[in-house]
Amino acid sequence: MTDDKDAKLIEAGRKLFTRDWQFIWASPSIATLPPMAGLEIAFAGRSNVGKSSLINALTGRNALARTSHTPGRTQELIFFEVPGKGDLRLVDMPGYGYAKAPKTQVASWTDLIHKFLLGRASLARVYLLIDARHGLKDVDHEILGTLDRSAVSYQIVLTKADQVKASELAERITETGAVLAKHPAAFPDVLTTSSRSGSGMAELRAAMARLLEERTSYASAHGGDASRLASASAMLLFHATAILAAVALIERGLLRGGIGLLAAFGFVIAATLFAGDLTLRQYAGHSLFPYAAPTGGTLMILSWLTVTLAAVVPQK
């Protein structure tokens, strides 16, 4: 990273991880996950690949994430965030591929990992950690398959890069990149890090700062879009209820058939104008036609007046 933009991101990443990161939650199962809030970035990888050490190196906290030389020590999803912020969480995931653990325990960890990767809406990115000394293994390819099926972006990070010769590291990067070329959902660039020497940490922090910046900017720019979609959905539900009510009143003889059907038709047109206009404003950037939403509102009012009038006027 050499240009001004990258330099700014590196500085933003440095500031992001000088904050007071704290442990907030541990989940042994999907049912015990914390409520979703902000963005979540998870670190996945084989047992003893260095996930906890990487989190400690990122945050500058030697004992934030528990480390161990014994594979399989992390058996839960461990969440970290800065108290009072809530904009970003780090998730230390259980290691996979530890063959010496009981089979039932391995199956439980594996199920937890796959379900979390596939079903967590707040999960913005997964960093898949691979030991630079060994490269991708068969069990890593299983996780790549799960990530491909999920809606989350992911990137490979080679850990323990200081323990590999430069030529071997370059070869490992090339090999990994060739594998990623077969996975369109993956970032093509491979990051290299060393928790011991600190190499690559600035770039990794910058990547996360950029993700947070992009998501925050997108939310600010499109916050109205979510509101419009919610309004469109609510309006459709409201009109559908009104149509069903009109039909029920007709069937019970409490509402004149012709007038009731006219009102129901008015509700259908009003819902189409409302929902169509709001949806087009989000996805196409223009309205259905000028004054489409006000026209729908007027038609809705007229339809309700029709229903009220037909209900109160005695039938002959």
Protein backbone atom coordinates (compact mmCIF):
# COMPACT_ATOMS: atom_id res chain seq x y z
CA MET A 1 0.00 0.00 0.00
CA THR A 2 1.63 3.21 -1.13
CA ASP A 3 -0.89 5.76 -2.42
CA ASP A 4 -2.70 8.35 -0.31
CA LYS A 5 -5.93 6.36 -0.12
CA ASP A 6 -4.16 3.28 1.22
CA ALA A 7 -2.17 5.39 3.67
CA LYS A 8 -5.43 6.84 5.00
CA LEU A 9 -6.90 3.37 5.34
CA ILE A 10 -3.85 2.14 7.23
CA GLU A 11 -4.21 5.06 9.63
CA ALA A 12 -7.95 4.39 9.96
CA GLY A 13 -7.18 0.75 10.68
CA ARG A 14 -4.61 1.71 13.30
CA LYS A 15 -7.14 3.94 15.07
CA LEU A 16 -9.83 1.28 14.83
CA PHE A 17 -7.69 -1.17 16.76
CA THR A 18 -6.32 1.21 19.36
CA ARG A 19 -9.77 1.20 20.90
CA ASP A 20 -10.52 -0.75 24.07
CA TRP A 21 -11.60 -4.12 22.67
CA GLN A 22 -13.29 -6.41 25.17
CA PHE A 23 -14.77 -9.89 25.32
CA ILE A 24 -18.59 -9.64 25.29
CA TRP A 25 -20.10 -13.06 24.53
CA ALA A 26 -19.46 -16.79 24.10
CA SER A 27 -21.88 -18.99 22.16
CA PRO A 28 -21.64 -22.78 22.27
CA SER A 29 -24.62 -23.08 19.91
CA ILE A 30 -26.60 -21.12 17.33
CA ALA A 31 -29.45 -20.74 19.82
CA THR A 32 -27.20 -18.79 22.21
CA LEU A 33 -25.86 -16.23 19.73
CA PRO A 34 -25.92 -12.58 20.86
CA PRO A 35 -28.44 -10.21 19.27
CA MET A 36 -27.18 -8.91 15.93
CA ALA A 37 -25.70 -5.42 16.02
CA GLY A 38 -23.33 -3.61 13.67
CA LEU A 39 -20.96 -5.56 11.46
CA GLU A 40 -19.32 -8.83 12.41
CA ILE A 41 -16.01 -10.08 11.06
CA ALA A 42 -15.19 -13.70 11.77
CA PHE A 43 -11.90 -15.56 11.79
CA ALA A 44 -12.13 -19.19 10.73
CA GLY A 45 -9.45 -21.81 10.24
CA ARG A 46 -8.07 -25.17 11.27
CA SER A 47 -7.26 -25.83 14.90
CA ASN A 48 -4.00 -24.18 15.99
CA VAL A 49 -3.79 -22.02 12.85
CA GLY A 50 -3.40 -18.92 15.01
CA LYS A 51 -6.85 -17.29 15.11
CA SER A 52 -6.64 -16.14 18.72
CA SER A 53 -3.06 -14.97 18.29
CA LEU A 54 -4.09 -12.97 15.23
CA ILE A 55 -6.91 -11.25 17.11
CA ASN A 56 -4.52 -10.40 19.95
CA ALA A 57 -2.00 -8.99 17.48
CA LEU A 58 -4.68 -6.93 15.70
CA THR A 59 -5.95 -5.38 18.90
CA GLY A 60 -2.60 -5.11 20.66
CA ARG A 61 -4.01 -7.09 23.57
CA ASN A 62 -1.89 -10.13 24.39
CA ALA A 63 -4.57 -11.81 26.47
CA LEU A 64 -7.79 -10.68 24.80
CA ALA A 65 -8.36 -13.96 22.97
CA ARG A 66 -7.23 -17.08 24.81
CA THR A 67 -4.38 -18.81 23.05
CA SER A 68 -3.08 -22.33 23.53
CA HIS A 69 -0.61 -24.72 21.99
CA THR A 70 -3.25 -27.42 22.39
CA PRO A 71 -5.52 -27.68 19.31
CA GLY A 72 -9.24 -27.54 19.93
CA ARG A 73 -9.22 -25.24 22.97
CA THR A 74 -11.66 -22.74 21.40
CA GLN A 75 -14.96 -24.61 21.46
CA GLU A 76 -17.38 -21.70 21.17
CA LEU A 77 -18.00 -18.63 19.04
CA ILE A 78 -16.20 -15.88 20.97
CA PHE A 79 -17.33 -12.28 20.36
CA PHE A 80 -15.32 -9.11 20.98
CA GLU A 81 -16.30 -5.46 20.58
CA VAL A 82 -15.55 -2.00 21.93
CA PRO A 83 -18.03 -1.14 24.72
CA GLY A 84 -20.29 1.72 23.76
CA LYS A 85 -19.48 1.50 20.06
CA GLY A 86 -21.37 -1.46 18.61
CA ASP A 87 -20.28 -0.72 15.04
CA LEU A 88 -17.95 -3.70 14.69
CA ARG A 89 -17.50 -7.11 16.30
CA LEU A 90 -14.75 -9.66 15.94
CA VAL A 91 -15.65 -13.35 16.15
CA ASP A 92 -13.12 -16.03 17.08
CA MET A 93 -14.54 -19.27 15.68
CA PRO A 94 -13.82 -22.83 16.88
CA GLY A 95 -11.02 -24.48 14.96
CA TYR A 96 -11.98 -27.31 12.63
CA GLY A 97 -10.10 -30.41 11.55
CA TYR A 98 -8.89 -31.48 15.00
CA ALA A 99 -9.00 -35.28 14.68
CA LYS A 100 -8.06 -36.15 18.30
CA ALA A 101 -11.25 -34.71 19.82
CA PRO A 102 -14.24 -37.02 20.40
CA LYS A 103 -16.24 -37.49 17.20
CA THR A 104 -19.42 -36.10 18.75
CA GLN A 105 -17.55 -32.97 19.82
CA VAL A 106 -15.98 -32.52 16.39
CA ALA A 107 -19.41 -32.93 14.77
CA SER A 108 -20.87 -30.32 17.13
CA TRP A 109 -18.12 -27.79 16.38
CA THR A 110 -18.38 -28.41 12.65
CA ASP A 111 -22.16 -27.97 12.70
CA LEU A 112 -21.82 -24.74 14.68
CA ILE A 113 -19.26 -23.35 12.23
CA HIS A 114 -21.27 -24.16 9.11
CA LYS A 115 -24.59 -22.89 10.52
CA PHE A 116 -23.01 -19.64 11.67
CA LEU A 117 -21.41 -19.01 8.28
CA LEU A 118 -24.65 -19.70 6.44
CA GLY A 119 -27.20 -17.99 8.65
CA ARG A 120 -25.80 -14.84 10.29
CA ALA A 121 -27.17 -11.73 8.54
CA SER A 122 -24.82 -9.35 10.38
CA LEU A 123 -21.73 -11.30 9.31
CA ALA A 124 -20.00 -8.95 6.86
CA ARG A 125 -16.77 -10.85 6.16
CA VAL A 126 -14.91 -14.03 7.03
CA TYR A 127 -11.15 -14.24 7.06
CA LEU A 128 -10.17 -17.84 6.45
CA LEU A 129 -6.80 -18.39 8.11
CA ILE A 130 -4.41 -20.86 6.50
CA ASP A 131 -1.06 -21.90 7.97
CA ALA A 132 1.57 -20.64 5.50
CA ARG A 133 3.77 -23.63 6.31
CA HIS A 134 1.20 -26.15 5.10
CA GLY A 135 -1.20 -24.42 2.71
CA LEU A 136 -4.77 -25.50 1.95
CA LYS A 137 -5.87 -28.95 3.13
CA ASP A 138 -8.93 -31.02 2.23
CA VAL A 139 -10.82 -29.81 5.29
CA ASP A 140 -10.24 -26.19 4.19
CA HIS A 141 -11.91 -26.93 0.86
CA GLU A 142 -15.05 -27.99 2.77
CA ILE A 143 -15.18 -24.58 4.44
CA LEU A 144 -14.60 -22.88 1.09
CA GLY A 145 -17.68 -24.72 -0.19
CA THR A 146 -19.74 -23.48 2.75
CA LEU A 147 -18.54 -19.92 2.21
CA ASP A 148 -19.44 -20.13 -1.47
CA ARG A 149 -22.99 -21.06 -0.51
CA SER A 150 -23.28 -18.23 1.99
CA ALA A 151 -23.91 -14.58 1.20
CA VAL A 152 -20.81 -13.38 3.06
CA SER A 153 -17.59 -12.21 1.43
CA TYR A 154 -14.39 -13.94 2.45
CA GLN A 155 -10.65 -13.71 2.03
CA ILE A 156 -7.75 -16.01 2.79
CA VAL A 157 -5.06 -14.93 5.23
CA LEU A 158 -1.82 -16.90 5.43
CA THR A 159 -0.61 -16.98 9.03
CA LYS A 160 2.84 -17.66 10.50
CA ALA A 161 4.46 -16.18 7.39
CA ASP A 162 7.64 -15.47 9.36
CA GLN A 163 8.21 -19.21 9.69
CA VAL A 164 8.42 -19.75 5.92
CA LYS A 165 11.23 -18.81 3.55
CA ALA A 166 10.41 -15.96 1.18
CA SER A 167 10.54 -18.24 -1.86
CA GLU A 168 8.24 -20.79 -0.22
CA LEU A 169 5.84 -18.05 0.84
CA ALA A 170 5.67 -16.70 -2.70
CA GLU A 171 4.93 -20.20 -3.96
CA ARG A 172 2.24 -20.66 -1.32
CA ILE A 173 0.59 -17.39 -2.34
CA THR A 174 0.57 -18.49 -5.98
CA GLU A 175 -0.91 -21.90 -5.12
CA THR A 176 -3.60 -20.36 -2.95
CA GLY A 177 -4.46 -17.76 -5.58
CA ALA A 178 -4.91 -20.51 -8.17
CA VAL A 179 -7.41 -22.25 -5.89
CA LEU A 180 -9.30 -19.00 -5.22
CA ALA A 181 -9.66 -18.45 -8.95
CA LYS A 182 -12.17 -21.32 -8.87
CA HIS A 183 -14.21 -19.58 -6.15
CA PRO A 184 -15.81 -16.40 -7.56
CA ALA A 185 -17.12 -15.33 -4.14
CA ALA A 186 -13.62 -15.15 -2.67
CA PHE A 187 -11.33 -12.14 -2.73
CA PRO A 188 -8.56 -12.96 -5.21
CA ASP A 189 -5.84 -11.27 -3.14
CA VAL A 190 -4.14 -13.38 -0.47
CA LEU A 191 -2.99 -11.59 2.69
CA THR A 192 0.08 -12.74 4.62
CA THR A 193 0.55 -12.13 8.33
CA SER A 194 2.68 -12.97 11.31
CA SER A 195 1.31 -12.49 14.80
CA ARG A 196 4.83 -12.85 16.15
CA SER A 197 6.54 -10.19 14.04
CA GLY A 198 3.46 -8.08 13.29
CA SER A 199 3.98 -8.20 9.53
CA GLY A 200 0.81 -7.82 7.50
CA MET A 201 -1.22 -6.55 10.47
CA ALA A 202 -1.42 -2.98 9.17
CA GLU A 203 -2.80 -4.21 5.84
CA LEU A 204 -5.34 -6.46 7.54
CA ARG A 205 -6.49 -3.65 9.82
CA ALA A 206 -6.79 -1.37 6.78
CA ALA A 207 -8.91 -3.95 4.95
CA MET A 208 -11.32 -4.08 7.89
CA ALA A 209 -11.39 -0.29 8.19
CA ARG A 210 -12.28 -0.07 4.51
CA LEU A 211 -15.08 -2.61 4.94
CA LEU A 212 -16.51 -0.64 7.86
CA GLU A 213 -16.19 2.61 5.91
CA GLU A 214 -17.91 1.16 2.83
CA ARG A 215 -20.78 -0.37 4.79
CA THR A 216 -21.28 2.82 6.81
CA SER A 217 -21.29 4.96 3.65
CA TYR A 218 -23.71 2.58 1.95
CA ALA A 219 -26.05 2.61 4.93
CA SER A 220 -26.02 6.42 4.98
CA ALA A 221 -26.64 6.67 1.25
CA HIS A 222 -29.33 4.00 1.13
CA GLY A 223 -30.94 4.38 4.52
CA GLY A 224 -34.01 5.82 2.80
CA ASP A 225 -34.16 2.79 0.53
CA ALA A 226 -34.72 0.42 3.41
CA SER A 227 -37.40 2.74 4.74
CA ARG A 228 -39.10 2.86 1.34
CA LEU A 229 -39.07 -0.92 1.03
CA ALA A 230 -40.50 -1.26 4.53
CA SER A 231 -43.21 1.24 3.62
CA ALA A 232 -43.99 -0.65 0.43
CA SER A 233 -44.26 -3.95 2.29
CA ALA A 234 -46.47 -2.42 4.99
CA MET A 235 -48.69 -0.83 2.37
CA LEU A 236 -49.13 -4.11 0.51
CA LEU A 237 -50.06 -5.89 3.73
CA PHE A 238 -52.49 -3.13 4.69
CA HIS A 239 -54.26 -3.18 1.33
CA ALA A 240 -54.36 -6.97 1.22
CA THR A 241 -56.14 -6.90 4.59
CA ALA A 242 -58.58 -4.28 3.30
CA ILE A 243 -59.36 -6.36 0.20
CA LEU A 244 -60.00 -9.48 2.28
CA ALA A 245 -62.24 -7.46 4.62
CA ALA A 246 -64.28 -6.12 1.69
CA VAL A 247 -64.73 -9.59 0.24
CA ALA A 248 -65.79 -10.98 3.64
CA LEU A 249 -68.37 -8.22 4.07
CA ILE A 250 -69.79 -8.98 0.62
CA GLU A 251 -70.08 -12.68 1.39
CA ARG A 252 -71.93 -11.94 4.64
CA GLY A 253 -74.34 -9.61 2.90
CA LEU A 254 -73.12 -6.62 4.88
CA LEU A 255 -71.75 -4.84 1.83
CA ARG A 256 -73.29 -4.31 -1.56
CA GLY A 257 -71.61 -6.61 -4.03
CA GLY A 258 -71.00 -4.19 -6.88
CA ILE A 259 -69.83 -1.36 -4.67
CA GLY A 260 -67.73 -3.71 -2.57
CA LEU A 261 -65.96 -5.13 -5.61
CA LEU A 262 -65.34 -1.60 -6.88
CA ALA A 263 -63.74 -0.71 -3.54
CA ALA A 264 -61.63 -3.88 -3.57
CA PHE A 265 -60.45 -3.04 -7.09
CA GLY A 266 -59.57 0.44 -5.86
CA PHE A 267 -57.48 -1.05 -3.07
CA VAL A 268 -55.61 -3.24 -5.59
CA ILE A 269 -54.77 -0.24 -7.80
CA ALA A 270 -53.76 1.87 -4.79
CA ALA A 271 -51.43 -0.88 -3.51
CA THR A 272 -49.88 -1.26 -6.95
CA LEU A 273 -49.22 2.46 -7.22
CA PHE A 274 -47.74 2.71 -3.73
CA ALA A 275 -45.57 -0.39 -3.79
CA GLY A 276 -44.55 0.00 -7.44
CA ASP A 277 -43.51 3.61 -7.00
CA LEU A 278 -41.52 3.02 -3.82
CA THR A 279 -39.76 -0.05 -5.24
CA LEU A 280 -38.84 1.68 -8.50
CA ARG A 281 -37.43 4.62 -6.56
CA GLN A 282 -34.99 2.26 -4.87
CA TYR A 283 -33.94 -0.07 -7.65
CA ALA A 284 -34.34 2.09 -10.76
CA GLY A 285 -33.87 5.55 -9.34
CA HIS A 286 -37.11 6.97 -10.76
CA SER A 287 -40.80 6.96 -9.92
CA LEU A 288 -43.56 4.92 -11.58
CA PHE A 289 -44.94 8.19 -12.96
CA PRO A 290 -45.27 11.71 -11.54
CA TYR A 291 -47.51 11.80 -8.46
CA ALA A 292 -47.92 8.01 -8.46
CA ALA A 293 -47.80 7.74 -4.67
CA PRO A 294 -50.23 10.66 -4.05
CA THR A 295 -52.58 9.16 -6.63
CA GLY A 296 -52.45 5.84 -4.78
CA GLY A 297 -53.17 7.62 -1.52
CA THR A 298 -56.16 9.43 -2.98
CA LEU A 299 -57.51 6.21 -4.45
CA MET A 300 -57.10 4.48 -1.09
CA ILE A 301 -59.11 7.19 0.66
CA LEU A 302 -61.85 7.00 -1.97
CA SER A 303 -61.97 3.22 -1.64
CA TRP A 304 -62.40 3.45 2.13
CA LEU A 305 -65.13 6.06 1.70
CA THR A 306 -66.86 3.74 -0.74
CA VAL A 307 -66.71 0.83 1.68
CA THR A 308 -68.02 3.01 4.53
CA LEU A 309 -70.84 4.42 2.44
CA ALA A 310 -71.89 1.01 1.14
CA ALA A 311 -71.85 -0.40 4.66
CA VAL A 312 -74.03 2.34 6.24
CA VAL A 313 -76.54 2.83 3.44
CA PRO A 314 -79.36 0.31 3.82
CA GLN A 315 -79.63 -2.25 1.04
CA LYS A 316 -82.94 -2.36 -0.85
